[in-house]
Amino acid sequence: MGFQHDYEHSDIVVIPVPYEGTVFYRKGTKNGPQALLDASAKLEHFDFEEKRNLLDGVKIHTADPLLLPEKPEEAFRKVEDYFSKIFNDKKFPVAIGGEHSISAGIVNAAKKFNDFSVLQLDAHSDLRDEFEGSRFSHACPMRRIREKVPAVQAGIRSMSEEEYDYIKKEKIEDFIHGVEFDADKIISQLSENVYITIDMDAFDPSEIPGVGSPEPGGLKWQQTIDLLKEVSKHKKIIGFDVVELAPIPDNVVSEFTAAKLVYKLAGFSFSGS
């Protein structure tokens, strides 16, 4: 959005992570971070719905892109190390992907929070134990996350039989929500501290076509914003990521909407409404 404060005095640190090491369908998530940042420069600072600048007085630092090794496990470790410093420095991280595998490393880094859970908005459950030989694929982040902390998943409308069997075995069906959900129930399932991970394919592809693995019948914009606003009212958001944006040439709808999503969620996180 054109803001740039030095790291030391910043409240929010925006970290572009243009990693695309395990994507297997439509490529392009490595271009997502820069496209989102470019689009953010076109946003109005004044939010019409809230009748105010949501980030008034909030100092933002945009870091250089975090470049990762190609091997998924090595990328996971580098993400964990990098974000451990962000959390230890008491900064609020906003990660912009890149593929969804980065989220597991970020959650691993949030060790200073003794009590937190994860809210995932996504079309896919991402609960495979491994995919194409890797336990750190973008098909596996929520499996790795659930090994560490509780999680609530919403917008889910696609999974493998293996994932379905895992959900039944672990008896977590009640924490897996589809497109139609009760926001109050989701909020009640979350811890006091919440990390949010948003795969842009959670949205209906008619609203966000620029993703790697689009699934029909997804979340709508206002539905999503209303949920995030309610979460911010009742819980403390400790950081978030927006991932899997894969820009479409000559169609800026997806990256502009993603930029506005980042702006609103960052504003909600600091104002609590």
C-alpha atoms as a PDB file:
ATOM      1  CA  MET A   1       0.000   0.000   0.000  1.00  0.00           C
ATOM      2  CA  GLY A   2       3.009   2.249  -0.223  1.00  0.00           C
ATOM      3  CA  PHE A   3       3.758   2.099   3.517  1.00  0.00           C
ATOM      4  CA  GLN A   4       7.314   1.266   4.514  1.00  0.00           C
ATOM      5  CA  HIS A   5       8.697   1.649   8.014  1.00  0.00           C
ATOM      6  CA  ASP A   6      11.958   0.246   9.294  1.00  0.00           C
ATOM      7  CA  TYR A   7      11.814  -3.249  10.766  1.00  0.00           C
ATOM      8  CA  GLU A   8      12.735  -2.216  14.301  1.00  0.00           C
ATOM      9  CA  HIS A   9       9.795   0.142  14.734  1.00  0.00           C
ATOM     10  CA  SER A  10       7.239  -1.839  12.723  1.00  0.00           C
ATOM     11  CA  ASP A  11       4.097  -3.511  14.036  1.00  0.00           C
ATOM     12  CA  ILE A  12       3.422  -5.677  10.987  1.00  0.00           C
ATOM     13  CA  VAL A  13       6.084  -7.388   8.903  1.00  0.00           C
ATOM     14  CA  VAL A  14       4.920  -8.472   5.448  1.00  0.00           C
ATOM     15  CA  ILE A  15       7.021 -11.330   4.108  1.00  0.00           C
ATOM     16  CA  PRO A  16       6.743 -12.349   0.444  1.00  0.00           C
ATOM     17  CA  VAL A  17       7.534 -16.065   0.052  1.00  0.00           C
ATOM     18  CA  PRO A  18       7.570 -16.884  -3.688  1.00  0.00           C
ATOM     19  CA  TYR A  19       8.028 -20.629  -3.200  1.00  0.00           C
ATOM     20  CA  GLU A  20       6.678 -23.120  -5.727  1.00  0.00           C
ATOM     21  CA  GLY A  21       8.482 -26.327  -4.948  1.00  0.00           C
ATOM     22  CA  THR A  22       5.648 -28.901  -4.860  1.00  0.00           C
ATOM     23  CA  VAL A  23       2.885 -27.428  -7.048  1.00  0.00           C
ATOM     24  CA  PHE A  24       1.635 -30.122  -9.400  1.00  0.00           C
ATOM     25  CA  TYR A  25      -1.267 -28.569 -11.330  1.00  0.00           C
ATOM     26  CA  ARG A  26      -1.433 -24.957 -12.525  1.00  0.00           C
ATOM     27  CA  LYS A  27       1.890 -23.193 -11.947  1.00  0.00           C
ATOM     28  CA  GLY A  28       2.321 -19.544 -11.055  1.00  0.00           C
ATOM     29  CA  THR A  29       2.139 -19.266  -7.268  1.00  0.00           C
ATOM     30  CA  LYS A  30       5.737 -18.006  -7.263  1.00  0.00           C
ATOM     31  CA  ASN A  31       4.378 -14.871  -8.959  1.00  0.00           C
ATOM     32  CA  GLY A  32       1.643 -14.361  -6.369  1.00  0.00           C
ATOM     33  CA  PRO A  33       3.542 -12.291  -3.787  1.00  0.00           C
ATOM     34  CA  GLN A  34       4.743  -9.599  -6.170  1.00  0.00           C
ATOM     35  CA  ALA A  35       1.377  -9.408  -7.925  1.00  0.00           C
ATOM     36  CA  LEU A  36      -0.367  -8.915  -4.584  1.00  0.00           C
ATOM     37  CA  LEU A  37       2.113  -6.241  -3.503  1.00  0.00           C
ATOM     38  CA  ASP A  38       1.710  -4.426  -6.826  1.00  0.00           C
ATOM     39  CA  ALA A  39      -2.083  -4.524  -6.497  1.00  0.00           C
ATOM     40  CA  SER A  40      -1.923  -3.240  -2.918  1.00  0.00           C
ATOM     41  CA  ALA A  41      -0.569   0.069  -4.198  1.00  0.00           C
ATOM     42  CA  LYS A  42      -3.947   0.633  -5.892  1.00  0.00           C
ATOM     43  CA  LEU A  43      -6.039   0.138  -2.745  1.00  0.00           C
ATOM     44  CA  GLU A  44      -7.805   3.014  -1.057  1.00  0.00           C
ATOM     45  CA  HIS A  45      -6.501   3.497   2.465  1.00  0.00           C
ATOM     46  CA  PHE A  46     -10.018   4.447   3.570  1.00  0.00           C
ATOM     47  CA  ASP A  47     -12.334   1.472   4.047  1.00  0.00           C
ATOM     48  CA  PHE A  48     -15.850   2.363   2.974  1.00  0.00           C
ATOM     49  CA  GLU A  49     -17.550  -0.422   4.949  1.00  0.00           C
ATOM     50  CA  GLU A  50     -15.787   0.459   8.213  1.00  0.00           C
ATOM     51  CA  LYS A  51     -15.769   4.222   7.494  1.00  0.00           C
ATOM     52  CA  ARG A  52     -12.120   4.540   8.493  1.00  0.00           C
ATOM     53  CA  ASN A  53      -8.539   3.705   7.567  1.00  0.00           C
ATOM     54  CA  LEU A  54      -8.169   0.236   9.061  1.00  0.00           C
ATOM     55  CA  LEU A  55      -4.403   0.590   9.387  1.00  0.00           C
ATOM     56  CA  ASP A  56      -4.259   4.127  10.709  1.00  0.00           C
ATOM     57  CA  GLY A  57      -1.296   4.364  13.063  1.00  0.00           C
ATOM     58  CA  VAL A  58      -0.082   0.834  12.292  1.00  0.00           C
ATOM     59  CA  LYS A  59       3.529   0.683  11.086  1.00  0.00           C
ATOM     60  CA  ILE A  60       4.223  -1.780   8.298  1.00  0.00           C
ATOM     61  CA  HIS A  61       7.538  -3.136   7.077  1.00  0.00           C
ATOM     62  CA  THR A  62       7.699  -5.157   3.862  1.00  0.00           C
ATOM     63  CA  ALA A  63      10.676  -7.501   3.946  1.00  0.00           C
ATOM     64  CA  ASP A  64      12.708  -8.702   1.008  1.00  0.00           C
ATOM     65  CA  PRO A  65      11.347 -11.925  -0.485  1.00  0.00           C
ATOM     66  CA  LEU A  66      12.193 -15.036   1.503  1.00  0.00           C
ATOM     67  CA  LEU A  67      13.846 -17.298  -1.055  1.00  0.00           C
ATOM     68  CA  LEU A  68      13.713 -20.985  -0.202  1.00  0.00           C
ATOM     69  CA  PRO A  69      15.623 -24.095  -1.299  1.00  0.00           C
ATOM     70  CA  GLU A  70      13.732 -26.285  -3.726  1.00  0.00           C
ATOM     71  CA  LYS A  71      13.590 -29.375  -1.506  1.00  0.00           C
ATOM     72  CA  PRO A  72      10.370 -29.199   0.579  1.00  0.00           C
ATOM     73  CA  GLU A  73      11.843 -30.288   3.927  1.00  0.00           C
ATOM     74  CA  GLU A  74      14.727 -27.827   3.621  1.00  0.00           C
ATOM     75  CA  ALA A  75      12.244 -25.101   2.704  1.00  0.00           C
ATOM     76  CA  PHE A  76      10.154 -25.979   5.766  1.00  0.00           C
ATOM     77  CA  ARG A  77      13.163 -25.625   8.088  1.00  0.00           C
ATOM     78  CA  LYS A  78      14.207 -22.292   6.596  1.00  0.00           C
ATOM     79  CA  VAL A  79      10.664 -20.936   6.987  1.00  0.00           C
ATOM     80  CA  GLU A  80      10.584 -22.094  10.611  1.00  0.00           C
ATOM     81  CA  ASP A  81      13.922 -20.422  11.390  1.00  0.00           C
ATOM     82  CA  TYR A  82      12.980 -17.173   9.669  1.00  0.00           C
ATOM     83  CA  PHE A  83       9.580 -16.788  11.310  1.00  0.00           C
ATOM     84  CA  SER A  84      10.910 -17.777  14.734  1.00  0.00           C
ATOM     85  CA  LYS A  85      12.851 -14.515  14.681  1.00  0.00           C
ATOM     86  CA  ILE A  86       9.761 -12.577  13.578  1.00  0.00           C
ATOM     87  CA  PHE A  87       7.716 -13.951  16.482  1.00  0.00           C
ATOM     88  CA  ASN A  88      10.565 -13.564  18.976  1.00  0.00           C
ATOM     89  CA  ASP A  89      10.937  -9.918  17.927  1.00  0.00           C
ATOM     90  CA  LYS A  90       7.250  -9.492  18.818  1.00  0.00           C
ATOM     91  CA  LYS A  91       6.256  -8.601  15.283  1.00  0.00           C
ATOM     92  CA  PHE A  92       2.958  -9.515  13.623  1.00  0.00           C
ATOM     93  CA  PRO A  93       3.795 -11.622  10.542  1.00  0.00           C
ATOM     94  CA  VAL A  94       1.826 -11.476   7.314  1.00  0.00           C
ATOM     95  CA  ALA A  95       3.194 -14.078   4.909  1.00  0.00           C
ATOM     96  CA  ILE A  96       2.302 -13.876   1.233  1.00  0.00           C
ATOM     97  CA  GLY A  97       2.765 -17.065  -0.776  1.00  0.00           C
ATOM     98  CA  GLY A  98       3.689 -18.882  -2.791  1.00  0.00           C
ATOM     99  CA  GLU A  99       2.352 -22.339  -2.128  1.00  0.00           C
ATOM    100  CA  HIS A 100       0.553 -23.495   1.003  1.00  0.00           C
ATOM    101  CA  SER A 101       3.385 -25.662   2.299  1.00  0.00           C
ATOM    102  CA  ILE A 102       4.959 -22.577   3.926  1.00  0.00           C
ATOM    103  CA  SER A 103       2.192 -22.416   6.543  1.00  0.00           C
ATOM    104  CA  ALA A 104       3.393 -25.477   8.455  1.00  0.00           C
ATOM    105  CA  GLY A 105       6.814 -23.935   9.025  1.00  0.00           C
ATOM    106  CA  ILE A 106       5.274 -20.665  10.210  1.00  0.00           C
ATOM    107  CA  VAL A 107       3.043 -22.457  12.710  1.00  0.00           C
ATOM    108  CA  ASN A 108       6.054 -24.424  13.974  1.00  0.00           C
ATOM    109  CA  ALA A 109       7.792 -21.089  14.565  1.00  0.00           C
ATOM    110  CA  ALA A 110       5.012 -19.706  16.778  1.00  0.00           C
ATOM    111  CA  LYS A 111       6.329 -21.556  19.830  1.00  0.00           C
ATOM    112  CA  LYS A 112       6.238 -18.510  22.104  1.00  0.00           C
ATOM    113  CA  PHE A 113       2.449 -18.789  22.160  1.00  0.00           C
ATOM    114  CA  ASN A 114       1.649 -21.589  24.581  1.00  0.00           C
ATOM    115  CA  ASP A 115      -2.035 -21.659  23.687  1.00  0.00           C
ATOM    116  CA  PHE A 116      -3.014 -21.122  20.075  1.00  0.00           C
ATOM    117  CA  SER A 117      -4.965 -22.796  17.330  1.00  0.00           C
ATOM    118  CA  VAL A 118      -5.101 -22.454  13.572  1.00  0.00           C
ATOM    119  CA  LEU A 119      -8.014 -21.391  11.398  1.00  0.00           C
ATOM    120  CA  GLN A 120      -7.683 -22.580   7.818  1.00  0.00           C
ATOM    121  CA  LEU A 121      -9.827 -21.280   4.954  1.00  0.00           C
ATOM    122  CA  ASP A 122      -9.305 -23.554   1.968  1.00  0.00           C
ATOM    123  CA  ALA A 123     -11.044 -25.626  -0.684  1.00  0.00           C
ATOM    124  CA  HIS A 124      -8.851 -28.617   0.191  1.00  0.00           C
ATOM    125  CA  SER A 125      -8.325 -30.255   3.556  1.00  0.00           C
ATOM    126  CA  ASP A 126      -4.528 -30.553   3.007  1.00  0.00           C
ATOM    127  CA  LEU A 127      -4.418 -33.488   5.424  1.00  0.00           C
ATOM    128  CA  ARG A 128      -2.404 -36.005   3.428  1.00  0.00           C
ATOM    129  CA  ASP A 129       0.439 -37.541   5.381  1.00  0.00           C
ATOM    130  CA  GLU A 130       2.644 -37.340   2.293  1.00  0.00           C
ATOM    131  CA  PHE A 131       2.244 -36.524  -1.377  1.00  0.00           C
ATOM    132  CA  GLU A 132       4.564 -37.408  -4.243  1.00  0.00           C
ATOM    133  CA  GLY A 133       7.152 -38.629  -1.756  1.00  0.00           C
ATOM    134  CA  SER A 134       7.164 -35.602   0.551  1.00  0.00           C
ATOM    135  CA  ARG A 135       5.562 -34.997   3.955  1.00  0.00           C
ATOM    136  CA  PHE A 136       6.101 -31.262   3.391  1.00  0.00           C
ATOM    137  CA  SER A 137       4.136 -30.925   0.148  1.00  0.00           C
ATOM    138  CA  HIS A 138       1.472 -28.262  -0.289  1.00  0.00           C
ATOM    139  CA  ALA A 139      -1.011 -31.147   0.051  1.00  0.00           C
ATOM    140  CA  CYS A 140       0.180 -31.829   3.627  1.00  0.00           C
ATOM    141  CA  PRO A 141       0.465 -28.593   5.690  1.00  0.00           C
ATOM    142  CA  MET A 142      -2.638 -29.134   7.814  1.00  0.00           C
ATOM    143  CA  ARG A 143      -1.526 -32.676   8.692  1.00  0.00           C
ATOM    144  CA  ARG A 144       1.788 -31.263   9.946  1.00  0.00           C
ATOM    145  CA  ILE A 145      -0.018 -28.420  11.723  1.00  0.00           C
ATOM    146  CA  ARG A 146      -2.486 -30.748  13.448  1.00  0.00           C
ATOM    147  CA  GLU A 147       0.470 -32.706  14.820  1.00  0.00           C
ATOM    148  CA  LYS A 148       1.429 -29.541  16.736  1.00  0.00           C
ATOM    149  CA  VAL A 149      -1.721 -27.547  17.526  1.00  0.00           C
ATOM    150  CA  PRO A 150      -5.525 -27.782  17.228  1.00  0.00           C
ATOM    151  CA  ALA A 151      -7.061 -26.542  13.996  1.00  0.00           C
ATOM    152  CA  VAL A 152     -10.433 -25.580  12.581  1.00  0.00           C
ATOM    153  CA  GLN A 153     -10.935 -25.838   8.822  1.00  0.00           C
ATOM    154  CA  ALA A 154     -13.605 -24.084   6.741  1.00  0.00           C
ATOM    155  CA  GLY A 155     -14.524 -23.833   3.088  1.00  0.00           C
ATOM    156  CA  ILE A 156     -13.476 -27.468   2.613  1.00  0.00           C
ATOM    157  CA  ARG A 157     -15.022 -29.214  -0.381  1.00  0.00           C
ATOM    158  CA  SER A 158     -12.311 -31.534  -1.687  1.00  0.00           C
ATOM    159  CA  MET A 159     -10.232 -34.299  -0.097  1.00  0.00           C
ATOM    160  CA  SER A 160      -8.815 -37.726  -0.823  1.00  0.00           C
ATOM    161  CA  GLU A 161     -10.141 -40.972   0.637  1.00  0.00           C
ATOM    162  CA  GLU A 162      -6.974 -41.157   2.755  1.00  0.00           C
ATOM    163  CA  GLU A 163      -7.765 -37.765   4.263  1.00  0.00           C
ATOM    164  CA  TYR A 164     -11.375 -38.730   4.910  1.00  0.00           C
ATOM    165  CA  ASP A 165     -10.246 -41.877   6.722  1.00  0.00           C
ATOM    166  CA  TYR A 166      -7.799 -39.814   8.811  1.00  0.00           C
ATOM    167  CA  ILE A 167     -10.560 -37.380   9.794  1.00  0.00           C
ATOM    168  CA  LYS A 168     -12.777 -40.240  10.951  1.00  0.00           C
ATOM    169  CA  LYS A 169      -9.936 -41.990  12.782  1.00  0.00           C
ATOM    170  CA  GLU A 170      -8.971 -38.810  14.658  1.00  0.00           C
ATOM    171  CA  LYS A 171     -12.646 -37.954  15.264  1.00  0.00           C
ATOM    172  CA  ILE A 172     -12.229 -34.384  14.037  1.00  0.00           C
ATOM    173  CA  GLU A 173     -15.268 -34.295  11.745  1.00  0.00           C
ATOM    174  CA  ASP A 174     -16.805 -31.545  13.855  1.00  0.00           C
ATOM    175  CA  PHE A 175     -13.813 -29.283  13.178  1.00  0.00           C
ATOM    176  CA  ILE A 176     -14.044 -29.608   9.387  1.00  0.00           C
ATOM    177  CA  HIS A 177     -16.551 -27.156   7.938  1.00  0.00           C
ATOM    178  CA  GLY A 178     -17.726 -26.790   4.375  1.00  0.00           C
ATOM    179  CA  VAL A 179     -18.877 -23.663   2.586  1.00  0.00           C
ATOM    180  CA  GLU A 180     -22.025 -23.344   4.678  1.00  0.00           C
ATOM    181  CA  PHE A 181     -20.980 -22.928   8.297  1.00  0.00           C
ATOM    182  CA  ASP A 182     -21.977 -21.421  11.621  1.00  0.00           C
ATOM    183  CA  ALA A 183     -19.454 -18.671  12.399  1.00  0.00           C
ATOM    184  CA  ASP A 184     -20.251 -18.789  16.113  1.00  0.00           C
ATOM    185  CA  LYS A 185     -19.455 -22.500  16.203  1.00  0.00           C
ATOM    186  CA  ILE A 186     -16.120 -21.947  14.449  1.00  0.00           C
ATOM    187  CA  ILE A 187     -15.204 -19.195  16.909  1.00  0.00           C
ATOM    188  CA  SER A 188     -16.124 -21.395  19.874  1.00  0.00           C
ATOM    189  CA  GLN A 189     -13.740 -24.091  18.605  1.00  0.00           C
ATOM    190  CA  LEU A 190     -10.735 -21.767  18.434  1.00  0.00           C
ATOM    191  CA  SER A 191      -8.233 -21.014  21.211  1.00  0.00           C
ATOM    192  CA  GLU A 192      -7.758 -17.532  22.624  1.00  0.00           C
ATOM    193  CA  ASN A 193      -4.810 -16.984  20.260  1.00  0.00           C
ATOM    194  CA  VAL A 194      -5.364 -17.798  16.592  1.00  0.00           C
ATOM    195  CA  TYR A 195      -3.113 -18.055  13.558  1.00  0.00           C
ATOM    196  CA  ILE A 196      -5.016 -17.834  10.259  1.00  0.00           C
ATOM    197  CA  THR A 197      -3.989 -19.440   6.990  1.00  0.00           C
ATOM    198  CA  ILE A 198      -5.963 -18.606   3.856  1.00  0.00           C
ATOM    199  CA  ASP A 199      -5.574 -20.513   0.616  1.00  0.00           C
ATOM    200  CA  MET A 200      -7.128 -18.319  -2.051  1.00  0.00           C
ATOM    201  CA  ASP A 201      -8.864 -21.327  -3.592  1.00  0.00           C
ATOM    202  CA  ALA A 202     -11.174 -21.218  -0.575  1.00  0.00           C
ATOM    203  CA  PHE A 203     -13.075 -18.620  -2.593  1.00  0.00           C
ATOM    204  CA  ASP A 204     -15.450 -19.542  -5.362  1.00  0.00           C
ATOM    205  CA  PRO A 205     -13.478 -19.437  -8.642  1.00  0.00           C
ATOM    206  CA  SER A 206     -16.065 -17.048 -10.079  1.00  0.00           C
ATOM    207  CA  GLU A 207     -14.649 -14.514  -7.592  1.00  0.00           C
ATOM    208  CA  ILE A 208     -11.002 -15.632  -7.470  1.00  0.00           C
ATOM    209  CA  PRO A 209     -10.033 -17.440 -10.691  1.00  0.00           C
ATOM    210  CA  GLY A 210      -6.272 -16.960 -10.242  1.00  0.00           C
ATOM    211  CA  VAL A 211      -5.361 -20.003  -8.149  1.00  0.00           C
ATOM    212  CA  GLY A 212      -3.465 -23.214  -8.798  1.00  0.00           C
ATOM    213  CA  SER A 213      -6.240 -25.705  -8.011  1.00  0.00           C
ATOM    214  CA  PRO A 214      -9.691 -24.104  -8.361  1.00  0.00           C
ATOM    215  CA  GLU A 215     -12.691 -25.921  -6.904  1.00  0.00           C
ATOM    216  CA  PRO A 216     -16.301 -24.958  -7.747  1.00  0.00           C
ATOM    217  CA  GLY A 217     -18.783 -23.897  -5.100  1.00  0.00           C
ATOM    218  CA  GLY A 218     -16.514 -21.897  -2.823  1.00  0.00           C
ATOM    219  CA  LEU A 219     -16.719 -19.109  -0.258  1.00  0.00           C
ATOM    220  CA  LYS A 220     -18.024 -15.678  -1.173  1.00  0.00           C
ATOM    221  CA  TRP A 221     -16.215 -12.446  -0.395  1.00  0.00           C
ATOM    222  CA  GLN A 222     -18.640 -10.953   2.118  1.00  0.00           C
ATOM    223  CA  GLN A 223     -19.166 -14.286   3.855  1.00  0.00           C
ATOM    224  CA  THR A 224     -15.414 -14.584   4.353  1.00  0.00           C
ATOM    225  CA  ILE A 225     -14.916 -11.014   5.540  1.00  0.00           C
ATOM    226  CA  ASP A 226     -17.794 -11.360   7.997  1.00  0.00           C
ATOM    227  CA  LEU A 227     -16.223 -14.509   9.476  1.00  0.00           C
ATOM    228  CA  LEU A 228     -12.772 -12.938   9.816  1.00  0.00           C
ATOM    229  CA  LYS A 229     -14.235  -9.830  11.405  1.00  0.00           C
ATOM    230  CA  GLU A 230     -16.081 -11.914  13.989  1.00  0.00           C
ATOM    231  CA  VAL A 231     -12.975 -13.963  14.752  1.00  0.00           C
ATOM    232  CA  SER A 232     -11.019 -10.745  15.341  1.00  0.00           C
ATOM    233  CA  LYS A 233     -13.677  -9.511  17.773  1.00  0.00           C
ATOM    234  CA  HIS A 234     -13.487 -12.590  19.971  1.00  0.00           C
ATOM    235  CA  LYS A 235      -9.922 -13.874  19.553  1.00  0.00           C
ATOM    236  CA  LYS A 236      -6.382 -12.525  19.378  1.00  0.00           C
ATOM    237  CA  ILE A 237      -4.965 -13.046  15.903  1.00  0.00           C
ATOM    238  CA  ILE A 238      -1.200 -13.616  16.144  1.00  0.00           C
ATOM    239  CA  GLY A 239      -0.406 -13.628  12.433  1.00  0.00           C
ATOM    240  CA  PHE A 240      -1.695 -14.898   9.126  1.00  0.00           C
ATOM    241  CA  ASP A 241      -0.778 -15.958   5.634  1.00  0.00           C
ATOM    242  CA  VAL A 242      -2.460 -15.671   2.252  1.00  0.00           C
ATOM    243  CA  VAL A 243      -1.210 -18.306  -0.166  1.00  0.00           C
ATOM    244  CA  GLU A 244      -1.740 -20.065  -3.509  1.00  0.00           C
ATOM    245  CA  LEU A 245      -2.459 -16.918  -5.521  1.00  0.00           C
ATOM    246  CA  ALA A 246      -1.480 -17.721  -9.115  1.00  0.00           C
ATOM    247  CA  PRO A 247      -2.043 -14.567 -11.207  1.00  0.00           C
ATOM    248  CA  ILE A 248      -3.713 -14.744 -14.598  1.00  0.00           C
ATOM    249  CA  PRO A 249      -2.160 -12.498 -17.276  1.00  0.00           C
ATOM    250  CA  ASP A 250      -4.294  -9.433 -18.077  1.00  0.00           C
ATOM    251  CA  ASN A 251      -6.771 -10.261 -15.285  1.00  0.00           C
ATOM    252  CA  VAL A 252      -6.013  -8.487 -11.999  1.00  0.00           C
ATOM    253  CA  VAL A 253      -9.183  -9.508 -10.147  1.00  0.00           C
ATOM    254  CA  SER A 254      -7.509 -12.212  -8.056  1.00  0.00           C
ATOM    255  CA  GLU A 255      -4.476 -10.249  -6.885  1.00  0.00           C
ATOM    256  CA  PHE A 256      -6.456  -7.083  -6.169  1.00  0.00           C
ATOM    257  CA  THR A 257      -8.985  -9.048  -4.098  1.00  0.00           C
ATOM    258  CA  ALA A 258      -6.151 -10.836  -2.295  1.00  0.00           C
ATOM    259  CA  ALA A 259      -4.524  -7.476  -1.496  1.00  0.00           C
ATOM    260  CA  LYS A 260      -7.799  -6.154  -0.116  1.00  0.00           C
ATOM    261  CA  LEU A 261      -8.170  -9.319   1.949  1.00  0.00           C
ATOM    262  CA  VAL A 262      -4.720  -8.747   3.471  1.00  0.00           C
ATOM    263  CA  TYR A 263      -5.576  -5.106   4.200  1.00  0.00           C
ATOM    264  CA  LYS A 264      -8.869  -5.948   5.899  1.00  0.00           C
ATOM    265  CA  LEU A 265      -7.562  -8.875   7.946  1.00  0.00           C
ATOM    266  CA  ALA A 266      -4.524  -6.881   9.077  1.00  0.00           C
ATOM    267  CA  GLY A 267      -6.835  -4.041  10.095  1.00  0.00           C
ATOM    268  CA  PHE A 268      -9.216  -6.364  11.924  1.00  0.00           C
ATOM    269  CA  SER A 269      -6.284  -7.997  13.706  1.00  0.00           C
ATOM    270  CA  PHE A 270      -5.137  -4.700  15.192  1.00  0.00           C
ATOM    271  CA  SER A 271      -8.490  -3.078  15.878  1.00  0.00           C
ATOM    272  CA  GLY A 272     -10.420  -6.178  16.943  1.00  0.00           C
ATOM    273  CA  SER A 273     -13.342  -5.342  14.658  1.00  0.00           C
END
